[in-house]
Amino acid sequence: MNNKRFLVLSGFILIAALSRMVPHPYNFAPMGAMSLFGAAYFADKKFSFLLPLAAFFVSDLLVNNLLFASFYDGFVLFTPGFYWMYGSIALIVLAGIFILKKVNLKTVVAGSLSASIIFFLITNFGAWLGSPIYPQSLSGLLMSYGAGIPFFHYTIAGDLIYSGVMFGAFEYARQNVPALQLAKAN
């Protein structure tokens, strides 16, 4: 394994996750971009899943226990329904592994839009299933998706912008720092 490349990739993901501490509109977050980035660049695909999930967990601890501490009674390890968010991240990584076999503008945009849709569908389904405010019927499911629509454009913008920054910066660095290249098989 190329340790320098691994550390740089991990650093990109961690910095993106920690950017959640910066004030931003709801759902304008790096989660989809981090997941796609890991899927595209880690040669060992287990890290494609582990690093974005671990970075999200660390940022969740900070966000929930520092920024949103007043919403909870004491220390929060996991927020209610966390498994829908973490599951959507894992699904985005899986989609990214297939979409981003070759990194270029078209595949990064396609991956980003796919990430936004996956996150929207999974997390709003989870909100419908786990919240008593939505009737457990088709109309309740549609209400849940309808409630998420005002935030969806922020999800799309966040995924596109964070992906653009992360992929663009890494591709630039990769072109200029030989140690960030993957070793070619003989």
N, C-alpha and C. Protein backbone atom coordinates (compact mmCIF):
# COMPACT_ATOMS: atom_id res chain seq x y z
N MET A 1 0.84 -1.18 0.00
CA MET A 1 0.00 0.00 0.00
C MET A 1 0.89 1.24 0.00
N ASN A 2 0.48 2.25 -0.76
CA ASN A 2 1.17 3.53 -0.82
C ASN A 2 0.69 4.36 0.38
N ASN A 3 1.53 4.42 1.44
CA ASN A 3 1.13 5.09 2.67
C ASN A 3 0.85 6.57 2.50
N LYS A 4 1.65 7.24 1.68
CA LYS A 4 1.44 8.67 1.46
C LYS A 4 0.08 8.91 0.81
N ARG A 5 -0.22 8.12 -0.21
CA ARG A 5 -1.51 8.25 -0.90
C ARG A 5 -2.66 7.96 0.08
N PHE A 6 -2.53 6.90 0.86
CA PHE A 6 -3.56 6.54 1.83
C PHE A 6 -3.80 7.68 2.82
N LEU A 7 -2.73 8.27 3.34
CA LEU A 7 -2.86 9.37 4.30
C LEU A 7 -3.49 10.60 3.66
N VAL A 8 -3.12 10.91 2.44
CA VAL A 8 -3.71 12.07 1.75
C VAL A 8 -5.20 11.83 1.50
N LEU A 9 -5.56 10.65 1.00
CA LEU A 9 -6.97 10.34 0.77
C LEU A 9 -7.76 10.41 2.08
N SER A 10 -7.22 9.83 3.13
CA SER A 10 -7.88 9.85 4.44
C SER A 10 -8.02 11.28 4.94
N GLY A 11 -6.98 12.08 4.74
CA GLY A 11 -7.01 13.48 5.16
C GLY A 11 -8.09 14.27 4.43
N PHE A 12 -8.22 14.04 3.13
CA PHE A 12 -9.27 14.72 2.36
C PHE A 12 -10.64 14.39 2.96
N ILE A 13 -10.86 13.12 3.25
CA ILE A 13 -12.16 12.69 3.77
C ILE A 13 -12.40 13.27 5.17
N LEU A 14 -11.40 13.24 6.02
CA LEU A 14 -11.55 13.78 7.37
C LEU A 14 -11.80 15.28 7.35
N ILE A 15 -11.06 16.01 6.55
CA ILE A 15 -11.26 17.46 6.45
C ILE A 15 -12.67 17.77 5.94
N ALA A 16 -13.11 17.02 4.94
CA ALA A 16 -14.47 17.22 4.43
C ALA A 16 -15.49 16.97 5.54
N ALA A 17 -15.31 15.89 6.29
CA ALA A 17 -16.25 15.57 7.37
C ALA A 17 -16.26 16.66 8.44
N LEU A 18 -15.09 17.17 8.78
CA LEU A 18 -15.00 18.21 9.80
C LEU A 18 -15.58 19.54 9.32
N SER A 19 -15.71 19.71 8.01
CA SER A 19 -16.32 20.93 7.49
C SER A 19 -17.79 21.04 7.90
N ARG A 20 -18.36 19.96 8.38
CA ARG A 20 -19.74 20.01 8.89
C ARG A 20 -19.86 20.92 10.10
N MET A 21 -18.72 21.24 10.73
CA MET A 21 -18.72 22.13 11.89
C MET A 21 -18.87 23.60 11.47
N VAL A 22 -18.64 23.89 10.20
CA VAL A 22 -18.76 25.25 9.68
C VAL A 22 -20.24 25.51 9.40
N PRO A 23 -20.76 26.67 9.78
CA PRO A 23 -22.19 26.94 9.50
C PRO A 23 -22.51 26.77 8.01
N HIS A 24 -23.64 26.11 7.75
CA HIS A 24 -24.06 25.84 6.39
C HIS A 24 -25.57 25.58 6.37
N PRO A 25 -26.19 25.69 5.21
CA PRO A 25 -27.63 25.36 5.12
C PRO A 25 -27.84 23.87 5.41
N TYR A 26 -29.02 23.54 5.90
CA TYR A 26 -29.36 22.14 6.16
C TYR A 26 -29.14 21.31 4.89
N ASN A 27 -28.52 20.17 5.05
CA ASN A 27 -28.25 19.19 4.00
C ASN A 27 -27.15 19.60 3.02
N PHE A 28 -26.55 20.77 3.18
CA PHE A 28 -25.40 21.13 2.35
C PHE A 28 -24.19 20.55 3.07
N ALA A 29 -23.88 19.31 2.72
CA ALA A 29 -22.88 18.57 3.48
C ALA A 29 -22.01 17.73 2.54
N PRO A 30 -20.86 17.28 3.05
CA PRO A 30 -19.92 16.53 2.22
C PRO A 30 -20.14 15.03 2.19
N MET A 31 -21.22 14.52 2.74
CA MET A 31 -21.37 13.08 2.92
C MET A 31 -21.32 12.31 1.59
N GLY A 32 -22.06 12.75 0.61
CA GLY A 32 -22.05 12.06 -0.68
C GLY A 32 -20.69 12.15 -1.34
N ALA A 33 -20.09 13.34 -1.30
CA ALA A 33 -18.78 13.53 -1.94
C ALA A 33 -17.71 12.68 -1.27
N MET A 34 -17.71 12.62 0.05
CA MET A 34 -16.73 11.79 0.77
C MET A 34 -16.87 10.33 0.38
N SER A 35 -18.09 9.88 0.28
CA SER A 35 -18.36 8.49 -0.05
C SER A 35 -17.90 8.16 -1.47
N LEU A 36 -18.19 9.06 -2.39
CA LEU A 36 -17.76 8.86 -3.78
C LEU A 36 -16.25 8.93 -3.90
N PHE A 37 -15.65 9.87 -3.20
CA PHE A 37 -14.20 10.06 -3.23
C PHE A 37 -13.49 8.79 -2.77
N GLY A 38 -13.94 8.24 -1.65
CA GLY A 38 -13.35 6.99 -1.16
C GLY A 38 -13.54 5.86 -2.14
N ALA A 39 -14.74 5.77 -2.74
CA ALA A 39 -15.03 4.72 -3.72
C ALA A 39 -14.11 4.81 -4.93
N ALA A 40 -13.82 6.03 -5.34
CA ALA A 40 -13.02 6.23 -6.56
C ALA A 40 -11.54 5.97 -6.35
N TYR A 41 -11.01 6.30 -5.18
CA TYR A 41 -9.55 6.35 -5.05
C TYR A 41 -8.90 5.29 -4.16
N PHE A 42 -9.63 4.68 -3.23
CA PHE A 42 -8.98 3.65 -2.42
C PHE A 42 -8.89 2.36 -3.24
N ALA A 43 -7.68 1.86 -3.41
CA ALA A 43 -7.49 0.61 -4.14
C ALA A 43 -8.10 -0.55 -3.37
N ASP A 44 -7.93 -0.55 -2.04
CA ASP A 44 -8.53 -1.56 -1.18
C ASP A 44 -9.93 -1.07 -0.81
N LYS A 45 -10.93 -1.66 -1.41
CA LYS A 45 -12.30 -1.14 -1.30
C LYS A 45 -12.87 -1.18 0.11
N LYS A 46 -12.28 -1.95 1.01
CA LYS A 46 -12.80 -1.92 2.38
C LYS A 46 -12.61 -0.52 2.97
N PHE A 47 -11.53 0.18 2.57
CA PHE A 47 -11.32 1.54 3.06
C PHE A 47 -12.29 2.52 2.43
N SER A 48 -12.81 2.18 1.25
CA SER A 48 -13.83 3.01 0.61
C SER A 48 -15.06 3.12 1.50
N PHE A 49 -15.35 2.06 2.23
CA PHE A 49 -16.49 2.05 3.15
C PHE A 49 -16.08 2.56 4.53
N LEU A 50 -14.97 2.04 5.05
CA LEU A 50 -14.58 2.34 6.43
C LEU A 50 -14.25 3.81 6.68
N LEU A 51 -13.48 4.42 5.79
CA LEU A 51 -13.04 5.80 6.04
C LEU A 51 -14.18 6.81 6.01
N PRO A 52 -15.05 6.81 4.99
CA PRO A 52 -16.17 7.76 5.04
C PRO A 52 -17.10 7.52 6.23
N LEU A 53 -17.36 6.25 6.56
CA LEU A 53 -18.22 5.97 7.72
C LEU A 53 -17.58 6.41 9.02
N ALA A 54 -16.29 6.16 9.18
CA ALA A 54 -15.58 6.58 10.40
C ALA A 54 -15.52 8.10 10.49
N ALA A 55 -15.24 8.76 9.37
CA ALA A 55 -15.18 10.23 9.38
C ALA A 55 -16.56 10.82 9.68
N PHE A 56 -17.61 10.22 9.13
CA PHE A 56 -18.96 10.68 9.43
C PHE A 56 -19.28 10.49 10.91
N PHE A 57 -18.88 9.37 11.47
CA PHE A 57 -19.10 9.11 12.90
C PHE A 57 -18.41 10.17 13.76
N VAL A 58 -17.14 10.46 13.46
CA VAL A 58 -16.40 11.47 14.22
C VAL A 58 -17.08 12.83 14.09
N SER A 59 -17.45 13.20 12.87
CA SER A 59 -18.11 14.49 12.70
C SER A 59 -19.48 14.52 13.36
N ASP A 60 -20.19 13.39 13.36
CA ASP A 60 -21.47 13.31 14.07
C ASP A 60 -21.29 13.55 15.56
N LEU A 61 -20.25 12.95 16.13
CA LEU A 61 -19.98 13.17 17.56
C LEU A 61 -19.80 14.65 17.85
N LEU A 62 -19.03 15.32 17.01
CA LEU A 62 -18.77 16.74 17.21
C LEU A 62 -20.03 17.57 16.97
N VAL A 63 -20.71 17.33 15.87
CA VAL A 63 -21.91 18.10 15.55
C VAL A 63 -22.99 17.91 16.62
N ASN A 64 -23.25 16.66 16.99
CA ASN A 64 -24.33 16.38 17.94
C ASN A 64 -24.02 16.82 19.37
N ASN A 65 -22.74 16.76 19.75
CA ASN A 65 -22.39 17.06 21.15
C ASN A 65 -21.82 18.45 21.36
N LEU A 66 -21.55 19.16 20.28
CA LEU A 66 -21.09 20.55 20.41
C LEU A 66 -22.10 21.52 19.79
N LEU A 67 -22.35 21.37 18.51
CA LEU A 67 -23.25 22.31 17.83
C LEU A 67 -24.70 22.15 18.25
N PHE A 68 -25.17 20.91 18.36
CA PHE A 68 -26.57 20.66 18.66
C PHE A 68 -26.78 20.06 20.05
N ALA A 69 -25.86 20.29 20.95
CA ALA A 69 -25.94 19.71 22.30
C ALA A 69 -27.22 20.11 23.02
N SER A 70 -27.74 21.31 22.75
CA SER A 70 -28.95 21.77 23.44
C SER A 70 -30.19 20.96 23.05
N PHE A 71 -30.12 20.20 21.97
CA PHE A 71 -31.25 19.38 21.54
C PHE A 71 -31.30 18.02 22.24
N TYR A 72 -30.25 17.69 22.97
CA TYR A 72 -30.14 16.36 23.57
C TYR A 72 -29.94 16.47 25.08
N ASP A 73 -30.30 15.40 25.76
CA ASP A 73 -30.05 15.29 27.20
C ASP A 73 -28.77 14.50 27.40
N GLY A 74 -27.63 15.17 27.46
CA GLY A 74 -26.36 14.49 27.68
C GLY A 74 -25.67 14.11 26.38
N PHE A 75 -24.61 13.31 26.55
CA PHE A 75 -23.76 12.89 25.44
C PHE A 75 -24.52 12.00 24.47
N VAL A 76 -24.34 12.23 23.18
CA VAL A 76 -25.03 11.46 22.14
C VAL A 76 -24.00 10.69 21.33
N LEU A 77 -24.07 9.38 21.37
CA LEU A 77 -23.19 8.54 20.58
C LEU A 77 -23.75 8.41 19.16
N PHE A 78 -25.05 8.12 19.04
CA PHE A 78 -25.73 8.01 17.75
C PHE A 78 -27.06 8.74 17.83
N THR A 79 -27.39 9.46 16.77
CA THR A 79 -28.69 10.13 16.72
C THR A 79 -29.76 9.12 16.34
N PRO A 80 -31.01 9.39 16.71
CA PRO A 80 -32.08 8.48 16.30
C PRO A 80 -32.11 8.33 14.79
N GLY A 81 -32.27 7.12 14.33
CA GLY A 81 -32.32 6.85 12.90
C GLY A 81 -30.98 6.95 12.19
N PHE A 82 -29.90 6.93 12.96
CA PHE A 82 -28.56 7.06 12.36
C PHE A 82 -28.31 6.00 11.29
N TYR A 83 -28.86 4.83 11.46
CA TYR A 83 -28.58 3.73 10.55
C TYR A 83 -29.06 4.03 9.13
N TRP A 84 -30.08 4.89 8.98
CA TRP A 84 -30.51 5.28 7.63
C TRP A 84 -29.44 6.14 6.96
N MET A 85 -28.84 7.05 7.72
CA MET A 85 -27.78 7.90 7.16
C MET A 85 -26.54 7.07 6.84
N TYR A 86 -26.13 6.24 7.79
CA TYR A 86 -24.94 5.41 7.57
C TYR A 86 -25.17 4.40 6.45
N GLY A 87 -26.38 3.87 6.38
CA GLY A 87 -26.72 2.95 5.30
C GLY A 87 -26.69 3.64 3.95
N SER A 88 -27.15 4.90 3.90
CA SER A 88 -27.11 5.62 2.63
C SER A 88 -25.67 5.90 2.22
N ILE A 89 -24.79 6.17 3.18
CA ILE A 89 -23.37 6.37 2.87
C ILE A 89 -22.79 5.09 2.27
N ALA A 90 -23.07 3.95 2.88
CA ALA A 90 -22.57 2.68 2.35
C ALA A 90 -23.10 2.42 0.94
N LEU A 91 -24.36 2.73 0.71
CA LEU A 91 -24.95 2.55 -0.62
C LEU A 91 -24.33 3.50 -1.64
N ILE A 92 -24.02 4.73 -1.22
CA ILE A 92 -23.37 5.69 -2.11
C ILE A 92 -21.97 5.20 -2.47
N VAL A 93 -21.25 4.65 -1.50
CA VAL A 93 -19.92 4.08 -1.79
C VAL A 93 -20.07 2.97 -2.83
N LEU A 94 -21.02 2.09 -2.62
CA LEU A 94 -21.23 0.98 -3.55
C LEU A 94 -21.55 1.50 -4.96
N ALA A 95 -22.44 2.47 -5.04
CA ALA A 95 -22.76 3.07 -6.35
C ALA A 95 -21.51 3.72 -6.95
N GLY A 96 -20.73 4.41 -6.12
CA GLY A 96 -19.52 5.07 -6.59
C GLY A 96 -18.49 4.10 -7.14
N ILE A 97 -18.39 2.93 -6.55
CA ILE A 97 -17.44 1.92 -7.04
C ILE A 97 -17.77 1.56 -8.49
N PHE A 98 -19.05 1.49 -8.80
CA PHE A 98 -19.46 1.16 -10.17
C PHE A 98 -19.43 2.37 -11.11
N ILE A 99 -19.88 3.52 -10.63
CA ILE A 99 -19.96 4.71 -11.48
C ILE A 99 -18.59 5.31 -11.77
N LEU A 100 -17.69 5.28 -10.76
CA LEU A 100 -16.42 5.99 -10.87
C LEU A 100 -15.24 5.07 -11.18
N LYS A 101 -15.47 4.07 -12.00
CA LYS A 101 -14.34 3.22 -12.42
C LYS A 101 -13.30 4.08 -13.14
N LYS A 102 -13.76 5.11 -13.82
CA LYS A 102 -12.89 6.10 -14.45
C LYS A 102 -13.34 7.47 -13.95
N VAL A 103 -12.41 8.23 -13.38
CA VAL A 103 -12.76 9.54 -12.84
C VAL A 103 -12.63 10.59 -13.94
N ASN A 104 -13.76 11.21 -14.26
CA ASN A 104 -13.80 12.34 -15.18
C ASN A 104 -15.02 13.18 -14.82
N LEU A 105 -15.17 14.31 -15.47
CA LEU A 105 -16.26 15.23 -15.13
C LEU A 105 -17.62 14.54 -15.21
N LYS A 106 -17.84 13.78 -16.27
CA LYS A 106 -19.14 13.11 -16.47
C LYS A 106 -19.44 12.13 -15.34
N THR A 107 -18.47 11.30 -14.97
CA THR A 107 -18.74 10.29 -13.93
C THR A 107 -18.84 10.94 -12.54
N VAL A 108 -18.09 12.00 -12.29
CA VAL A 108 -18.19 12.67 -10.98
C VAL A 108 -19.55 13.35 -10.84
N VAL A 109 -20.02 14.00 -11.90
CA VAL A 109 -21.35 14.62 -11.85
C VAL A 109 -22.43 13.54 -11.71
N ALA A 110 -22.32 12.47 -12.47
CA ALA A 110 -23.29 11.37 -12.37
C ALA A 110 -23.28 10.76 -10.97
N GLY A 111 -22.09 10.56 -10.43
CA GLY A 111 -21.98 10.02 -9.08
C GLY A 111 -22.57 10.96 -8.05
N SER A 112 -22.31 12.26 -8.20
CA SER A 112 -22.83 13.25 -7.25
C SER A 112 -24.36 13.29 -7.26
N LEU A 113 -24.93 13.30 -8.45
CA LEU A 113 -26.39 13.32 -8.54
C LEU A 113 -26.98 12.01 -8.00
N SER A 114 -26.32 10.90 -8.28
CA SER A 114 -26.76 9.60 -7.73
C SER A 114 -26.69 9.61 -6.21
N ALA A 115 -25.61 10.18 -5.66
CA ALA A 115 -25.46 10.26 -4.20
C ALA A 115 -26.60 11.06 -3.59
N SER A 116 -26.94 12.18 -4.21
CA SER A 116 -28.03 13.02 -3.70
C SER A 116 -29.36 12.26 -3.69
N ILE A 117 -29.62 11.55 -4.77
CA ILE A 117 -30.88 10.81 -4.88
C ILE A 117 -30.91 9.66 -3.87
N ILE A 118 -29.82 8.93 -3.75
CA ILE A 118 -29.75 7.82 -2.79
C ILE A 118 -29.99 8.34 -1.37
N PHE A 119 -29.29 9.42 -1.00
CA PHE A 119 -29.44 9.97 0.35
C PHE A 119 -30.89 10.41 0.59
N PHE A 120 -31.47 11.12 -0.37
CA PHE A 120 -32.85 11.59 -0.25
C PHE A 120 -33.82 10.43 -0.08
N LEU A 121 -33.71 9.43 -0.95
CA LEU A 121 -34.65 8.31 -0.90
C LEU A 121 -34.52 7.50 0.39
N ILE A 122 -33.30 7.20 0.79
CA ILE A 122 -33.08 6.35 1.97
C ILE A 122 -33.45 7.08 3.26
N THR A 123 -32.97 8.30 3.44
CA THR A 123 -33.20 8.99 4.71
C THR A 123 -34.65 9.43 4.88
N ASN A 124 -35.32 9.80 3.80
CA ASN A 124 -36.73 10.16 3.93
C ASN A 124 -37.60 8.93 4.11
N PHE A 125 -37.20 7.81 3.53
CA PHE A 125 -37.90 6.55 3.81
C PHE A 125 -37.76 6.21 5.29
N GLY A 126 -36.54 6.37 5.82
CA GLY A 126 -36.31 6.12 7.25
C GLY A 126 -37.11 7.05 8.14
N ALA A 127 -37.22 8.32 7.73
CA ALA A 127 -38.02 9.28 8.52
C ALA A 127 -39.48 8.86 8.53
N TRP A 128 -39.99 8.40 7.40
CA TRP A 128 -41.37 7.93 7.33
C TRP A 128 -41.57 6.71 8.22
N LEU A 129 -40.64 5.76 8.13
CA LEU A 129 -40.79 4.52 8.86
C LEU A 129 -40.64 4.70 10.37
N GLY A 130 -39.78 5.64 10.77
CA GLY A 130 -39.47 5.76 12.19
C GLY A 130 -40.10 6.92 12.92
N SER A 131 -40.90 7.71 12.24
CA SER A 131 -41.47 8.89 12.89
C SER A 131 -42.99 8.76 13.02
N PRO A 132 -43.52 9.04 14.20
CA PRO A 132 -44.97 8.95 14.37
C PRO A 132 -45.74 10.08 13.67
N ILE A 133 -45.04 11.09 13.14
CA ILE A 133 -45.76 12.18 12.48
C ILE A 133 -46.27 11.80 11.09
N TYR A 134 -45.74 10.70 10.54
CA TYR A 134 -46.17 10.25 9.22
C TYR A 134 -47.00 8.97 9.35
N PRO A 135 -48.19 8.96 8.76
CA PRO A 135 -48.98 7.72 8.76
C PRO A 135 -48.22 6.62 8.01
N GLN A 136 -48.33 5.41 8.48
CA GLN A 136 -47.64 4.28 7.85
C GLN A 136 -48.46 3.79 6.67
N SER A 137 -48.52 4.65 5.67
CA SER A 137 -49.27 4.36 4.44
C SER A 137 -48.52 5.01 3.28
N LEU A 138 -48.99 4.75 2.08
CA LEU A 138 -48.37 5.36 0.91
C LEU A 138 -48.46 6.89 0.99
N SER A 139 -49.58 7.40 1.46
CA SER A 139 -49.69 8.86 1.58
C SER A 139 -48.72 9.40 2.63
N GLY A 140 -48.49 8.66 3.68
CA GLY A 140 -47.50 9.08 4.68
C GLY A 140 -46.09 9.08 4.12
N LEU A 141 -45.77 8.07 3.32
CA LEU A 141 -44.46 8.00 2.67
C LEU A 141 -44.28 9.19 1.73
N LEU A 142 -45.32 9.49 0.96
CA LEU A 142 -45.25 10.63 0.05
C LEU A 142 -45.14 11.95 0.82
N MET A 143 -45.78 12.03 1.98
CA MET A 143 -45.64 13.23 2.83
C MET A 143 -44.19 13.38 3.29
N SER A 144 -43.57 12.28 3.65
CA SER A 144 -42.17 12.32 4.10
C SER A 144 -41.26 12.79 2.97
N TYR A 145 -41.46 12.25 1.78
CA TYR A 145 -40.65 12.70 0.65
C TYR A 145 -40.95 14.17 0.33
N GLY A 146 -42.20 14.56 0.42
CA GLY A 146 -42.57 15.96 0.18
C GLY A 146 -41.91 16.90 1.18
N ALA A 147 -41.81 16.46 2.44
CA ALA A 147 -41.16 17.29 3.46
C ALA A 147 -39.67 17.45 3.21
N GLY A 148 -39.08 16.49 2.50
CA GLY A 148 -37.65 16.57 2.20
C GLY A 148 -37.31 17.41 0.98
N ILE A 149 -38.29 17.66 0.13
CA ILE A 149 -38.02 18.39 -1.12
C ILE A 149 -37.40 19.77 -0.90
N PRO A 150 -37.84 20.56 0.09
CA PRO A 150 -37.21 21.89 0.26
C PRO A 150 -35.71 21.84 0.59
N PHE A 151 -35.23 20.70 1.03
CA PHE A 151 -33.81 20.57 1.38
C PHE A 151 -33.00 19.87 0.29
N PHE A 152 -33.70 19.28 -0.68
CA PHE A 152 -33.03 18.46 -1.69
C PHE A 152 -32.05 19.26 -2.54
N HIS A 153 -32.39 20.49 -2.87
CA HIS A 153 -31.46 21.28 -3.69
C HIS A 153 -30.16 21.56 -2.94
N TYR A 154 -30.22 21.65 -1.61
CA TYR A 154 -28.99 21.81 -0.82
C TYR A 154 -28.16 20.53 -0.86
N THR A 155 -28.82 19.38 -0.83
CA THR A 155 -28.11 18.11 -0.93
C THR A 155 -27.38 18.03 -2.28
N ILE A 156 -28.08 18.37 -3.34
CA ILE A 156 -27.48 18.34 -4.68
C ILE A 156 -26.30 19.32 -4.74
N ALA A 157 -26.51 20.53 -4.28
CA ALA A 157 -25.45 21.55 -4.33
C ALA A 157 -24.24 21.11 -3.50
N GLY A 158 -24.49 20.58 -2.31
CA GLY A 158 -23.39 20.12 -1.46
C GLY A 158 -22.61 18.99 -2.11
N ASP A 159 -23.33 18.01 -2.66
CA ASP A 159 -22.64 16.88 -3.31
C ASP A 159 -21.83 17.35 -4.52
N LEU A 160 -22.40 18.22 -5.33
CA LEU A 160 -21.68 18.70 -6.51
C LEU A 160 -20.47 19.56 -6.15
N ILE A 161 -20.65 20.48 -5.22
CA ILE A 161 -19.56 21.39 -4.86
C ILE A 161 -18.45 20.66 -4.12
N TYR A 162 -18.81 19.87 -3.10
CA TYR A 162 -17.78 19.12 -2.38
C TYR A 162 -17.07 18.12 -3.30
N SER A 163 -17.82 17.48 -4.18
CA SER A 163 -17.18 16.55 -5.13
C SER A 163 -16.23 17.31 -6.05
N GLY A 164 -16.67 18.45 -6.55
CA GLY A 164 -15.81 19.25 -7.42
C GLY A 164 -14.51 19.63 -6.74
N VAL A 165 -14.63 20.08 -5.48
CA VAL A 165 -13.43 20.49 -4.74
C VAL A 165 -12.54 19.29 -4.42
N MET A 166 -13.13 18.23 -3.90
CA MET A 166 -12.33 17.07 -3.49
C MET A 166 -11.67 16.39 -4.69
N PHE A 167 -12.46 16.08 -5.71
CA PHE A 167 -11.91 15.39 -6.88
C PHE A 167 -10.94 16.29 -7.63
N GLY A 168 -11.32 17.56 -7.79
CA GLY A 168 -10.45 18.49 -8.50
C GLY A 168 -9.11 18.69 -7.80
N ALA A 169 -9.15 18.89 -6.48
CA ALA A 169 -7.91 19.10 -5.73
C ALA A 169 -7.04 17.85 -5.76
N PHE A 170 -7.66 16.67 -5.60
CA PHE A 170 -6.85 15.46 -5.59
C PHE A 170 -6.27 15.18 -6.98
N GLU A 171 -7.05 15.37 -8.02
CA GLU A 171 -6.53 15.14 -9.37
C GLU A 171 -5.37 16.10 -9.67
N TYR A 172 -5.50 17.34 -9.24
CA TYR A 172 -4.42 18.31 -9.42
C TYR A 172 -3.17 17.83 -8.67
N ALA A 173 -3.37 17.45 -7.40
CA ALA A 173 -2.24 16.98 -6.59
C ALA A 173 -1.63 15.71 -7.18
N ARG A 174 -2.47 14.80 -7.63
CA ARG A 174 -2.01 13.53 -8.20
C ARG A 174 -1.14 13.77 -9.44
N GLN A 175 -1.50 14.76 -10.23
CA GLN A 175 -0.72 15.07 -11.43
C GLN A 175 0.64 15.67 -11.10
N ASN A 176 0.74 16.30 -9.92
CA ASN A 176 1.96 17.03 -9.55
C ASN A 176 2.81 16.36 -8.48
N VAL A 177 2.29 15.31 -7.86
CA VAL A 177 3.03 14.61 -6.79
C VAL A 177 3.06 13.12 -7.15
N PRO A 178 4.18 12.65 -7.66
CA PRO A 178 4.27 11.24 -8.10
C PRO A 178 3.90 10.23 -7.01
N ALA A 179 4.14 10.55 -5.75
CA ALA A 179 3.84 9.60 -4.68
C ALA A 179 2.32 9.34 -4.53
N LEU A 180 1.50 10.19 -5.14
CA LEU A 180 0.05 10.00 -5.05
C LEU A 180 -0.51 9.13 -6.17
N GLN A 181 0.35 8.74 -7.10
CA GLN A 181 -0.06 7.86 -8.19
C GLN A 181 -0.20 6.43 -7.67
N LEU A 182 -1.11 5.68 -8.25
CA LEU A 182 -1.19 4.26 -7.95
C LEU A 182 -0.07 3.55 -8.69
N ALA A 183 0.52 2.57 -8.04
CA ALA A 183 1.56 1.77 -8.71
C ALA A 183 0.90 0.97 -9.82
N LYS A 184 1.54 0.93 -10.95
CA LYS A 184 1.01 0.17 -12.09
C LYS A 184 1.43 -1.29 -11.96
N ALA A 185 0.48 -2.17 -12.25
CA ALA A 185 0.78 -3.62 -12.22
C ALA A 185 1.63 -3.97 -13.44
N ASN A 186 2.59 -4.86 -13.24
CA ASN A 186 3.46 -5.30 -14.36
C ASN A 186 2.83 -6.43 -15.12
